[in-house]
Amino acid sequence: QREFLDRRSRWRFDVGAGGTYANNDLPNPDYEYSITGGLRYNFSPFVGIYGTANKYRIKNANALNREFASTDFNLEYTVLPYEKFSPTIYAGPGINYASNFEEIDLKFQAGLSLEYLISPSFGLKVYGEYNATLSDQLDYVISGERDDQYYKFGAGINIYLGNNQAKENSPKFIKRREAREL
């Protein structure tokens, strides 16, 4: 019989790194870096809110190589919260910053991440995300029917803060609790 343990604490801190790929008005998009850090609060084992701060570049060969920052606010749904391996889907609004925070544009993002818990406190994840900005000037070119967009992808580590049922039932936790009770 399976045990349905809450494997993820209410609070999670994460960091990640990866790349971006432009989908804008210029030809020859190329891969560039992205880094991210975030904090998540789980309302239930399935649903949580997630805020991130990001830094990344958008590049089109021989035409553009521009740095951005963004803050995102997402609603997340963990598909298999009682398992060590689980997909998570997320979406929400965000803000893009450019030119030392002088240019500010709204955006929306949606993504999918896959997480594997290596312990009750740590998980490894990979993620892919689609970002649609409400500006056609990220690449300095106003053209076409759609505003500028980009893809973000990468890998990272999730750090679960506080207790969860998997931690409380682990042999290490039980041994520490018994030692304190003596």
Protein backbone atom coordinates (compact mmCIF):
# COMPACT_ATOMS: atom_id res chain seq x y z
CA GLN A 1 0.00 0.00 0.00
CA ARG A 2 1.25 3.47 -0.91
CA GLU A 3 1.76 6.23 1.60
CA PHE A 4 0.49 9.67 0.60
CA LEU A 5 3.04 11.89 2.34
CA ASP A 6 3.25 15.62 1.75
CA ARG A 7 6.76 15.60 0.28
CA ARG A 8 7.02 19.35 -0.24
CA SER A 9 7.04 21.92 2.57
CA ARG A 10 4.83 25.00 2.50
CA TRP A 11 7.84 27.23 1.69
CA ARG A 12 10.38 26.66 -1.07
CA PHE A 13 13.39 28.68 -2.18
CA ASP A 14 14.96 27.91 -5.56
CA VAL A 15 17.77 28.95 -7.86
CA GLY A 16 18.33 28.05 -11.48
CA ALA A 17 20.34 28.80 -14.58
CA GLY A 18 19.82 28.17 -18.25
CA GLY A 19 19.18 30.03 -21.45
CA THR A 20 16.79 32.11 -23.53
CA TYR A 21 15.84 32.01 -27.17
CA ALA A 22 14.24 35.04 -28.87
CA ASN A 23 11.04 34.97 -30.91
CA ASN A 24 11.01 38.60 -32.10
CA ASP A 25 11.13 40.75 -35.23
CA LEU A 26 14.82 40.20 -36.04
CA PRO A 27 16.37 37.27 -37.95
CA ASN A 28 18.82 34.69 -36.60
CA PRO A 29 17.83 34.30 -32.94
CA ASP A 30 20.54 32.75 -30.81
CA TYR A 31 20.77 31.23 -27.33
CA GLU A 32 21.83 33.38 -24.38
CA TYR A 33 22.03 32.95 -20.58
CA SER A 34 19.39 33.28 -17.89
CA ILE A 35 19.55 33.03 -14.10
CA THR A 36 16.64 32.93 -11.70
CA GLY A 37 15.80 32.84 -8.01
CA GLY A 38 12.39 32.43 -6.46
CA LEU A 39 10.20 31.79 -3.45
CA ARG A 40 7.06 29.65 -3.41
CA TYR A 41 4.28 29.26 -0.85
CA ASN A 42 2.02 26.20 -1.08
CA PHE A 43 -1.63 26.67 -0.11
CA SER A 44 -2.14 22.92 -0.49
CA PRO A 45 -0.05 20.01 -1.77
CA PHE A 46 -1.32 20.87 -5.28
CA VAL A 47 -1.55 24.68 -5.50
CA GLY A 48 0.93 27.43 -4.66
CA ILE A 49 2.03 30.94 -5.57
CA TYR A 50 5.53 31.56 -6.86
CA GLY A 51 7.51 34.79 -7.24
CA THR A 52 10.83 35.01 -9.10
CA ALA A 53 13.54 37.50 -9.94
CA ASN A 54 15.38 36.85 -13.20
CA LYS A 55 18.30 38.18 -15.20
CA TYR A 56 18.81 37.20 -18.83
CA ARG A 57 19.92 38.24 -22.32
CA ILE A 58 18.10 38.17 -25.65
CA LYS A 59 20.29 37.71 -28.72
CA ASN A 60 19.87 37.81 -32.49
CA ALA A 61 23.15 37.16 -34.31
CA ASN A 62 24.74 40.35 -35.72
CA ALA A 63 21.70 42.43 -34.73
CA LEU A 64 20.92 42.39 -30.99
CA ASN A 65 22.43 41.28 -27.69
CA ARG A 66 20.47 42.98 -24.91
CA GLU A 67 20.28 42.34 -21.16
CA PHE A 68 17.04 42.30 -19.15
CA ALA A 69 15.74 41.66 -15.67
CA SER A 70 12.23 40.55 -14.77
CA THR A 71 10.01 39.77 -11.84
CA ASP A 72 7.32 37.13 -12.27
CA PHE A 73 4.32 36.13 -10.17
CA ASN A 74 2.85 32.71 -10.98
CA LEU A 75 0.12 30.38 -9.85
CA GLU A 76 1.57 26.84 -9.79
CA TYR A 77 -0.11 23.45 -9.90
CA THR A 78 1.92 20.40 -8.78
CA VAL A 79 0.52 17.39 -10.64
CA LEU A 80 1.89 14.58 -8.40
CA PRO A 81 2.59 16.18 -4.99
CA TYR A 82 2.90 12.86 -3.12
CA GLU A 83 5.56 11.47 -5.46
CA LYS A 84 9.32 12.09 -5.62
CA PHE A 85 9.00 12.92 -9.33
CA SER A 86 6.37 15.47 -10.31
CA PRO A 87 5.57 17.84 -13.16
CA THR A 88 4.41 21.34 -12.27
CA ILE A 89 2.57 23.74 -14.57
CA TYR A 90 2.52 27.47 -13.94
CA ALA A 91 1.39 30.77 -15.42
CA GLY A 92 1.06 34.41 -14.44
CA PRO A 93 1.96 38.05 -15.04
CA GLY A 94 5.39 39.61 -14.87
CA ILE A 95 7.38 42.78 -15.47
CA ASN A 96 10.38 43.13 -17.79
CA TYR A 97 13.05 45.72 -17.01
CA ALA A 98 15.65 47.03 -19.47
CA SER A 99 18.20 49.88 -19.70
CA ASN A 100 18.97 49.97 -15.97
CA PHE A 101 15.26 49.73 -15.07
CA GLU A 102 14.36 52.77 -17.22
CA GLU A 103 12.21 50.70 -19.60
CA ILE A 104 9.41 48.69 -17.97
CA ASP A 105 7.06 46.38 -19.88
CA LEU A 106 4.36 43.99 -18.74
CA LYS A 107 4.49 40.36 -19.80
CA PHE A 108 2.82 37.01 -19.25
CA GLN A 109 4.56 33.68 -18.88
CA ALA A 110 3.55 30.04 -18.73
CA GLY A 111 5.72 27.02 -18.22
CA LEU A 112 6.30 23.44 -17.22
CA SER A 113 8.88 22.11 -14.79
CA LEU A 114 9.86 18.57 -13.84
CA GLU A 115 11.20 17.97 -10.34
CA TYR A 116 12.85 14.97 -8.71
CA LEU A 117 13.23 15.04 -4.92
CA ILE A 118 16.70 13.82 -3.95
CA SER A 119 15.82 14.18 -0.25
CA PRO A 120 12.91 15.56 1.82
CA SER A 121 14.63 18.98 1.70
CA PHE A 122 16.05 19.20 -1.84
CA GLY A 123 14.72 18.71 -5.35
CA LEU A 124 16.36 18.97 -8.76
CA LYS A 125 14.33 20.55 -11.54
CA VAL A 126 14.37 21.30 -15.24
CA TYR A 127 12.01 23.86 -16.72
CA GLY A 128 10.81 25.42 -19.94
CA GLU A 129 8.84 28.64 -20.19
CA TYR A 130 7.14 30.79 -22.82
CA ASN A 131 7.15 34.58 -22.26
CA ALA A 132 4.90 36.99 -24.17
CA THR A 133 5.68 40.67 -23.61
CA LEU A 134 3.21 43.50 -24.09
CA SER A 135 5.83 45.42 -26.07
CA ASP A 136 7.20 45.14 -29.59
CA GLN A 137 10.33 47.13 -28.68
CA LEU A 138 12.51 44.64 -26.77
CA ASP A 139 14.53 44.27 -29.96
CA TYR A 140 14.27 48.02 -30.85
CA VAL A 141 12.18 47.06 -33.93
CA ILE A 142 8.43 47.57 -34.25
CA SER A 143 7.30 45.16 -36.94
CA GLY A 144 4.98 42.24 -37.55
CA GLU A 145 1.64 41.36 -36.03
CA ARG A 146 2.77 40.20 -32.56
CA ASP A 147 4.69 41.71 -29.68
CA ASP A 148 8.13 40.30 -28.86
CA GLN A 149 8.33 36.91 -27.19
CA TYR A 150 11.05 34.63 -25.86
CA TYR A 151 11.57 31.17 -24.44
CA LYS A 152 13.40 30.48 -21.20
CA PHE A 153 14.70 27.07 -20.13
CA GLY A 154 17.12 25.67 -17.60
CA ALA A 155 17.83 23.56 -14.54
CA GLY A 156 17.96 24.33 -10.86
CA ILE A 157 17.60 23.22 -7.27
CA ASN A 158 14.57 23.58 -4.99
CA ILE A 159 15.23 23.95 -1.27
CA TYR A 160 12.25 23.14 0.97
CA LEU A 161 12.13 25.17 4.18
CA GLY A 162 10.41 23.84 7.29
CA ASN A 163 8.92 20.43 7.92
CA ASN A 164 6.88 18.17 5.69
CA GLN A 165 5.55 14.67 6.23
CA ALA A 166 8.41 13.07 4.31
CA LYS A 167 10.95 14.83 6.58
CA GLU A 168 9.07 13.92 9.74
CA ASN A 169 8.97 10.24 8.75
CA SER A 170 12.59 10.01 7.63
CA PRO A 171 14.98 7.92 9.80
CA LYS A 172 17.28 10.93 10.38
CA PHE A 173 14.43 13.11 11.63
CA ILE A 174 13.06 10.36 13.90
CA LYS A 175 16.53 9.73 15.37
CA ARG A 176 17.02 13.48 16.10
CA ARG A 177 13.56 13.74 17.66
CA GLU A 178 14.21 10.72 19.88
CA ALA A 179 17.60 12.12 20.95
CA ARG A 180 15.94 15.43 21.96
CA GLU A 181 13.31 13.61 23.99
CA LEU A 182 15.92 11.81 26.11
